[in-house]
PDB file of N, CA and C in Angstrom:
ATOM      1  N   UNK A   1     139.972 145.717  85.657  1.00  0.00           N
ATOM      2  CA  UNK A   1     139.710 146.848  86.385  1.00  0.00           C
ATOM      3  C   UNK A   1     138.938 147.978  85.746  1.00  0.00           C
ATOM      4  N   UNK A   2     137.848 148.421  86.463  1.00  0.00           N
ATOM      5  CA  UNK A   2     137.147 149.348  85.928  1.00  0.00           C
ATOM      6  C   UNK A   2     137.946 150.946  85.984  1.00  0.00           C
ATOM      7  N   UNK A   3     137.582 151.754  84.958  1.00  0.00           N
ATOM      8  CA  UNK A   3     138.188 152.994  84.968  1.00  0.00           C
ATOM      9  C   UNK A   3     138.017 153.810  86.274  1.00  0.00           C
ATOM     10  N   UNK A   4     136.625 153.743  86.837  1.00  0.00           N
ATOM     11  CA  UNK A   4     136.116 154.309  87.936  1.00  0.00           C
ATOM     12  C   UNK A   4     136.839 153.837  89.069  1.00  0.00           C
ATOM     13  N   UNK A   5     136.914 152.563  89.205  1.00  0.00           N
ATOM     14  CA  UNK A   5     137.622 151.879  90.428  1.00  0.00           C
ATOM     15  C   UNK A   5     139.043 152.156  90.262  1.00  0.00           C
ATOM     16  N   UNK A   6     139.794 152.025  89.388  1.00  0.00           N
ATOM     17  CA  UNK A   6     141.288 152.472  89.153  1.00  0.00           C
ATOM     18  C   UNK A   6     141.763 153.656  89.713  1.00  0.00           C
ATOM     19  N   UNK A   7     140.816 154.603  89.229  1.00  0.00           N
ATOM     20  CA  UNK A   7     140.909 156.151  89.700  1.00  0.00           C
ATOM     21  C   UNK A   7     141.036 156.247  91.024  1.00  0.00           C
ATOM     22  N   UNK A   8     140.239 155.489  91.796  1.00  0.00           N
ATOM     23  CA  UNK A   8     140.157 155.865  93.193  1.00  0.00           C
ATOM     24  C   UNK A   8     141.093 154.992  94.076  1.00  0.00           C
ATOM     25  N   UNK A   9     141.571 153.836  93.552  1.00  0.00           N
ATOM     26  CA  UNK A   9     142.506 153.057  94.388  1.00  0.00           C
ATOM     27  C   UNK A   9     143.765 153.625  94.413  1.00  0.00           C
ATOM     28  N   UNK A  10     144.391 153.573  95.440  1.00  0.00           N
ATOM     29  CA  UNK A  10     145.793 153.951  95.660  1.00  0.00           C
ATOM     30  C   UNK A  10     146.941 152.839  95.396  1.00  0.00           C
ATOM     31  N   UNK A  11     146.306 151.672  95.273  1.00  0.00           N
ATOM     32  CA  UNK A  11     147.388 150.402  95.098  1.00  0.00           C
ATOM     33  C   UNK A  11     146.984 149.539  93.922  1.00  0.00           C
ATOM     34  N   UNK A  12     147.930 148.768  93.256  1.00  0.00           N
ATOM     35  CA  UNK A  12     147.610 147.860  92.307  1.00  0.00           C
ATOM     36  C   UNK A  12     148.112 146.517  93.102  1.00  0.00           C
ATOM     37  N   UNK A  13     147.402 145.564  92.652  1.00  0.00           N
ATOM     38  CA  UNK A  13     147.698 143.898  93.117  1.00  0.00           C
ATOM     39  C   UNK A  13     149.206 143.811  91.977  1.00  0.00           C
ATOM     40  N   UNK A  14     150.015 142.726  92.604  1.00  0.00           N
ATOM     41  CA  UNK A  14     151.255 142.691  91.736  1.00  0.00           C
ATOM     42  C   UNK A  14     150.911 142.547  90.376  1.00  0.00           C
ATOM     43  N   UNK A  15     150.136 141.342  90.119  1.00  0.00           N
ATOM     44  CA  UNK A  15     149.772 141.176  88.569  1.00  0.00           C
ATOM     45  C   UNK A  15     149.336 142.438  87.830  1.00  0.00           C
ATOM     46  N   UNK A  16     148.451 143.204  88.340  1.00  0.00           N
ATOM     47  CA  UNK A  16     147.858 144.450  87.697  1.00  0.00           C
ATOM     48  C   UNK A  16     149.157 145.430  87.427  1.00  0.00           C
ATOM     49  N   UNK A  17     150.022 145.554  88.302  1.00  0.00           N
ATOM     50  CA  UNK A  17     151.119 146.584  87.907  1.00  0.00           C
ATOM     51  C   UNK A  17     152.021 145.943  87.059  1.00  0.00           C
ATOM     52  N   UNK A  18     152.231 144.507  87.111  1.00  0.00           N
ATOM     53  CA  UNK A  18     153.059 143.947  85.889  1.00  0.00           C
ATOM     54  C   UNK A  18     152.603 144.091  84.603  1.00  0.00           C
ATOM     55  N   UNK A  19     151.179 143.836  84.545  1.00  0.00           N
ATOM     56  CA  UNK A  19     150.437 143.768  83.268  1.00  0.00           C
ATOM     57  C   UNK A  19     150.520 145.257  82.597  1.00  0.00           C
ATOM     58  N   UNK A  20     150.714 146.274  83.463  1.00  0.00           N
ATOM     59  CA  UNK A  20     150.934 147.800  82.768  1.00  0.00           C
ATOM     60  C   UNK A  20     152.214 147.658  82.013  1.00  0.00           C
ATOM     61  N   UNK A  21     153.151 146.810  82.035  1.00  0.00           N
ATOM     62  CA  UNK A  21     154.416 146.896  81.387  1.00  0.00           C
ATOM     63  C   UNK A  21     154.634 145.634  80.628  1.00  0.00           C
ATOM     64  N   UNK A  22     153.455 144.737  80.500  1.00  0.00           N
ATOM     65  CA  UNK A  22     153.673 143.642  79.824  1.00  0.00           C
ATOM     66  C   UNK A  22     154.301 142.484  80.452  1.00  0.00           C
ATOM     67  N   UNK A  23     154.175 142.288  81.826  1.00  0.00           N
ATOM     68  CA  UNK A  23     154.785 141.104  82.441  1.00  0.00           C
ATOM     69  C   UNK A  23     153.426 140.149  82.859  1.00  0.00           C
ATOM     70  N   UNK A  24     153.962 139.042  82.735  1.00  0.00           N
ATOM     71  CA  UNK A  24     153.020 137.873  83.243  1.00  0.00           C
ATOM     72  C   UNK A  24     153.008 137.909  84.571  1.00  0.00           C
ATOM     73  N   UNK A  25     152.045 137.128  85.173  1.00  0.00           N
ATOM     74  CA  UNK A  25     151.935 136.995  86.649  1.00  0.00           C
ATOM     75  C   UNK A  25     153.140 136.789  87.207  1.00  0.00           C
ATOM     76  N   UNK A  26     153.727 135.553  86.715  1.00  0.00           N
ATOM     77  CA  UNK A  26     155.195 135.101  87.460  1.00  0.00           C
ATOM     78  C   UNK A  26     156.190 135.983  87.433  1.00  0.00           C
ATOM     79  N   UNK A  27     156.360 136.412  86.069  1.00  0.00           N
ATOM     80  CA  UNK A  27     157.356 137.742  85.786  1.00  0.00           C
ATOM     81  C   UNK A  27     157.019 138.936  86.921  1.00  0.00           C
ATOM     82  N   UNK A  28     155.977 139.175  87.097  1.00  0.00           N
ATOM     83  CA  UNK A  28     155.658 140.249  87.908  1.00  0.00           C
ATOM     84  C   UNK A  28     156.326 140.037  89.372  1.00  0.00           C
ATOM     85  N   UNK A  29     155.766 138.952  90.029  1.00  0.00           N
ATOM     86  CA  UNK A  29     156.228 138.353  91.273  1.00  0.00           C
ATOM     87  C   UNK A  29     157.896 138.350  91.401  1.00  0.00           C
ATOM     88  N   UNK A  30     158.466 137.970  90.213  1.00  0.00           N
ATOM     89  CA  UNK A  30     159.928 137.857  90.156  1.00  0.00           C
ATOM     90  C   UNK A  30     160.558 139.323  90.196  1.00  0.00           C
ATOM     91  N   UNK A  31     159.919 140.187  89.704  1.00  0.00           N
ATOM     92  CA  UNK A  31     160.431 141.497  89.699  1.00  0.00           C
ATOM     93  C   UNK A  31     160.310 142.046  90.930  1.00  0.00           C
ATOM     94  N   UNK A  32     159.297 141.746  91.640  1.00  0.00           N
ATOM     95  CA  UNK A  32     159.271 142.044  92.917  1.00  0.00           C
ATOM     96  C   UNK A  32     160.285 141.707  93.918  1.00  0.00           C
ATOM     97  N   UNK A  33     160.641 140.212  93.760  1.00  0.00           N
ATOM     98  CA  UNK A  33     161.597 139.554  94.515  1.00  0.00           C
ATOM     99  C   UNK A  33     162.914 140.357  94.183  1.00  0.00           C
ATOM    100  N   UNK A  34     163.161 140.693  93.050  1.00  0.00           N
ATOM    101  CA  UNK A  34     164.425 141.545  92.617  1.00  0.00           C
ATOM    102  C   UNK A  34     164.443 142.879  93.047  1.00  0.00           C
ATOM    103  N   UNK A  35     163.356 143.387  93.579  1.00  0.00           N
ATOM    104  CA  UNK A  35     163.253 144.835  94.033  1.00  0.00           C
ATOM    105  C   UNK A  35     162.901 145.765  92.775  1.00  0.00           C
ATOM    106  N   UNK A  36     162.471 145.123  91.616  1.00  0.00           N
ATOM    107  CA  UNK A  36     162.217 146.256  90.427  1.00  0.00           C
ATOM    108  C   UNK A  36     160.850 146.823  90.646  1.00  0.00           C
ATOM    109  N   UNK A  37     159.811 146.286  91.313  1.00  0.00           N
ATOM    110  CA  UNK A  37     158.630 146.745  91.311  1.00  0.00           C
ATOM    111  C   UNK A  37     158.580 147.258  92.976  1.00  0.00           C
ATOM    112  N   UNK A  38     158.408 148.307  93.268  1.00  0.00           N
ATOM    113  CA  UNK A  38     158.113 148.911  94.813  1.00  0.00           C
ATOM    114  C   UNK A  38     156.842 148.347  95.119  1.00  0.00           C
ATOM    115  N   UNK A  39     156.882 147.829  96.470  1.00  0.00           N
ATOM    116  CA  UNK A  39     155.872 147.206  97.038  1.00  0.00           C
ATOM    117  C   UNK A  39     155.806 147.457  98.499  1.00  0.00           C
ATOM    118  N   UNK A  40     154.484 147.503  99.119  1.00  0.00           N
ATOM    119  CA  UNK A  40     154.238 147.567 100.585  1.00  0.00           C
ATOM    120  C   UNK A  40     153.648 146.233 100.866  1.00  0.00           C
ATOM    121  N   UNK A  41     154.003 145.872 102.179  1.00  0.00           N
ATOM    122  CA  UNK A  41     153.329 144.494 102.673  1.00  0.00           C
ATOM    123  C   UNK A  41     152.463 144.857 103.798  1.00  0.00           C
ATOM    124  N   UNK A  42     151.308 144.068 103.874  1.00  0.00           N
ATOM    125  CA  UNK A  42     150.394 144.026 104.961  1.00  0.00           C
ATOM    126  C   UNK A  42     150.276 142.637 105.248  1.00  0.00           C
ATOM    127  N   UNK A  43     151.178 141.981 106.156  1.00  0.00           N
ATOM    128  CA  UNK A  43     151.218 140.663 106.442  1.00  0.00           C
ATOM    129  C   UNK A  43     151.696 139.758 105.033  1.00  0.00           C
ATOM    130  N   UNK A  44     150.822 138.864 104.832  1.00  0.00           N
ATOM    131  CA  UNK A  44     151.296 138.193 103.435  1.00  0.00           C
ATOM    132  C   UNK A  44     150.594 139.018 102.269  1.00  0.00           C
ATOM    133  N   UNK A  45     149.953 140.117 102.534  1.00  0.00           N
ATOM    134  CA  UNK A  45     149.314 140.855 101.278  1.00  0.00           C
ATOM    135  C   UNK A  45     150.224 141.697 100.872  1.00  0.00           C
ATOM    136  N   UNK A  46     150.455 141.676  99.393  1.00  0.00           N
ATOM    137  CA  UNK A  46     151.536 142.580  98.651  1.00  0.00           C
ATOM    138  C   UNK A  46     150.898 143.380  97.836  1.00  0.00           C
ATOM    139  N   UNK A  47     150.959 144.770  97.857  1.00  0.00           N
ATOM    140  CA  UNK A  47     150.473 145.786  97.046  1.00  0.00           C
ATOM    141  C   UNK A  47     151.474 146.715  96.526  1.00  0.00           C
ATOM    142  N   UNK A  48     151.184 147.083  95.238  1.00  0.00           N
ATOM    143  CA  UNK A  48     152.170 148.240  94.582  1.00  0.00           C
ATOM    144  C   UNK A  48     151.563 149.513  94.759  1.00  0.00           C
ATOM    145  N   UNK A  49     152.074 150.482  95.377  1.00  0.00           N
ATOM    146  CA  UNK A  49     151.717 151.692  95.593  1.00  0.00           C
ATOM    147  C   UNK A  49     151.639 152.306  94.053  1.00  0.00           C
ATOM    148  N   UNK A  50     150.550 152.740  93.811  1.00  0.00           N
ATOM    149  CA  UNK A  50     150.095 153.382  92.314  1.00  0.00           C
ATOM    150  C   UNK A  50     151.276 154.474  92.294  1.00  0.00           C
ATOM    151  N   UNK A  51     151.498 155.474  92.920  1.00  0.00           N
ATOM    152  CA  UNK A  51     152.249 156.802  92.604  1.00  0.00           C
ATOM    153  C   UNK A  51     153.782 156.340  92.601  1.00  0.00           C
ATOM    154  N   UNK A  52     154.213 155.416  93.523  1.00  0.00           N
ATOM    155  CA  UNK A  52     155.499 155.053  93.499  1.00  0.00           C
ATOM    156  C   UNK A  52     155.908 154.370  92.066  1.00  0.00           C
ATOM    157  N   UNK A  53     154.909 153.405  91.682  1.00  0.00           N
ATOM    158  CA  UNK A  53     154.918 152.561  90.522  1.00  0.00           C
ATOM    159  C   UNK A  53     155.007 153.559  89.266  1.00  0.00           C
ATOM    160  N   UNK A  54     154.267 154.586  89.163  1.00  0.00           N
ATOM    161  CA  UNK A  54     154.235 155.416  88.159  1.00  0.00           C
ATOM    162  C   UNK A  54     155.403 156.185  87.915  1.00  0.00           C
ATOM    163  N   UNK A  55     156.027 156.772  89.288  1.00  0.00           N
ATOM    164  CA  UNK A  55     157.005 157.564  89.219  1.00  0.00           C
ATOM    165  C   UNK A  55     158.241 156.633  88.760  1.00  0.00           C
ATOM    166  N   UNK A  56     158.371 155.427  89.072  1.00  0.00           N
ATOM    167  CA  UNK A  56     159.559 154.656  88.590  1.00  0.00           C
ATOM    168  C   UNK A  56     159.249 154.316  87.098  1.00  0.00           C
ATOM    169  N   UNK A  57     158.374 154.379  86.752  1.00  0.00           N
ATOM    170  CA  UNK A  57     158.234 154.128  85.272  1.00  0.00           C
ATOM    171  C   UNK A  57     158.580 155.303  84.408  1.00  0.00           C
ATOM    172  N   UNK A  58     158.175 156.591  85.080  1.00  0.00           N
ATOM    173  CA  UNK A  58     158.723 157.836  84.336  1.00  0.00           C
ATOM    174  C   UNK A  58     160.035 157.868  84.416  1.00  0.00           C
ATOM    175  N   UNK A  59     160.794 157.670  85.522  1.00  0.00           N
ATOM    176  CA  UNK A  59     162.031 157.842  85.837  1.00  0.00           C
ATOM    177  C   UNK A  59     162.864 156.831  84.670  1.00  0.00           C
ATOM    178  N   UNK A  60     162.365 155.829  84.538  1.00  0.00           N
ATOM    179  CA  UNK A  60     162.936 154.974  83.462  1.00  0.00           C
ATOM    180  C   UNK A  60     162.884 155.108  82.139  1.00  0.00           C
ATOM    181  N   UNK A  61     161.766 155.973  81.904  1.00  0.00           N
ATOM    182  CA  UNK A  61     161.452 156.483  80.435  1.00  0.00           C
ATOM    183  C   UNK A  61     162.343 157.669  80.170  1.00  0.00           C
ATOM    184  N   UNK A  62     162.617 158.396  81.178  1.00  0.00           N
ATOM    185  CA  UNK A  62     163.476 159.697  81.116  1.00  0.00           C
ATOM    186  C   UNK A  62     165.011 159.276  80.832  1.00  0.00           C
ATOM    187  N   UNK A  63     165.511 158.079  81.023  1.00  0.00           N
ATOM    188  CA  UNK A  63     166.774 157.667  80.946  1.00  0.00           C
ATOM    189  C   UNK A  63     167.088 157.326  79.462  1.00  0.00           C
TER     190      UNK A  63
END
């Protein structure tokens, strides 16, 4: 993902969001199933809202 493109986007794909914390593609989708990664769904399309994901990571880091 290019820096310019990433700064403008409001969502990540599930693998992109998981990669930010060192998860593999499969582990990322498993985390979604467990509700550990916040997602929004558009039919079959699954996206991770950037703000919600970073907020969750910040909260986890504060604990």
